[in-house]
Amino acid sequence: MVRSLIEFGLKEWEEGKTVAEHIFGVLDDLDLHEMIDNRMHTEMITLYRQWYSDGLEPTEKNFLYHDNPEMNSRIITVMEVETEISPNWKEHYKGHIPTREELYRTEVISTLNYLQLRKIKRLMKENLEAMEKTSDPEQQMLFLQTHQLLKKMETDITSQSGMVIYK
């Protein structure tokens, strides 16, 4: 999430809306902030949002030169590219190989879907635990309906992105 935000946040998502605005909108609308486990990543997203709201155009350099040394080292880790295309690729395969720049929308959607799925899984677990604790048939039916709704939401997200979930 942090990498997508820093790398693509200033790009246009749709007319009159940047990737950063889209990400913040989804995070707020679906209350996904709590799904980001890493405290430093949460701080980085909050700081990016603050800078963006103040009219800055945040980049990785803003984080590299931040006063917090932990943030400096984390941004290096987050922005590090560990993959590259084999030099022999063009010899064996024909056609254009899309870059991250070209696939930024897919990456952002995938990241937001991942957070949504984490939240749905957590809600399903909490719902199941509550259902096991009650003996009231009406309450159990309500929990069952909630579980079915959550399962449908999960299925909708995974079918959209072509994900397969194994338990």
Foldseek 3Di string as FASTA:
>chain_A
DLQLCQVFQQPCPDVPHGLLRVLVVLCVVVVLLVLPPDPLSSVSNVVCVVCVVVVHNHHLVCQCPDPDVVSNVVSCVSNDDDDDDDPCCVVVDDDDDDDCVRCSVVVSLVVSLVSVLSVLVVVLVVLVVVLVPDPDPVSVVVSVVVNVVSVVVNVVSCVVSVHDDDD
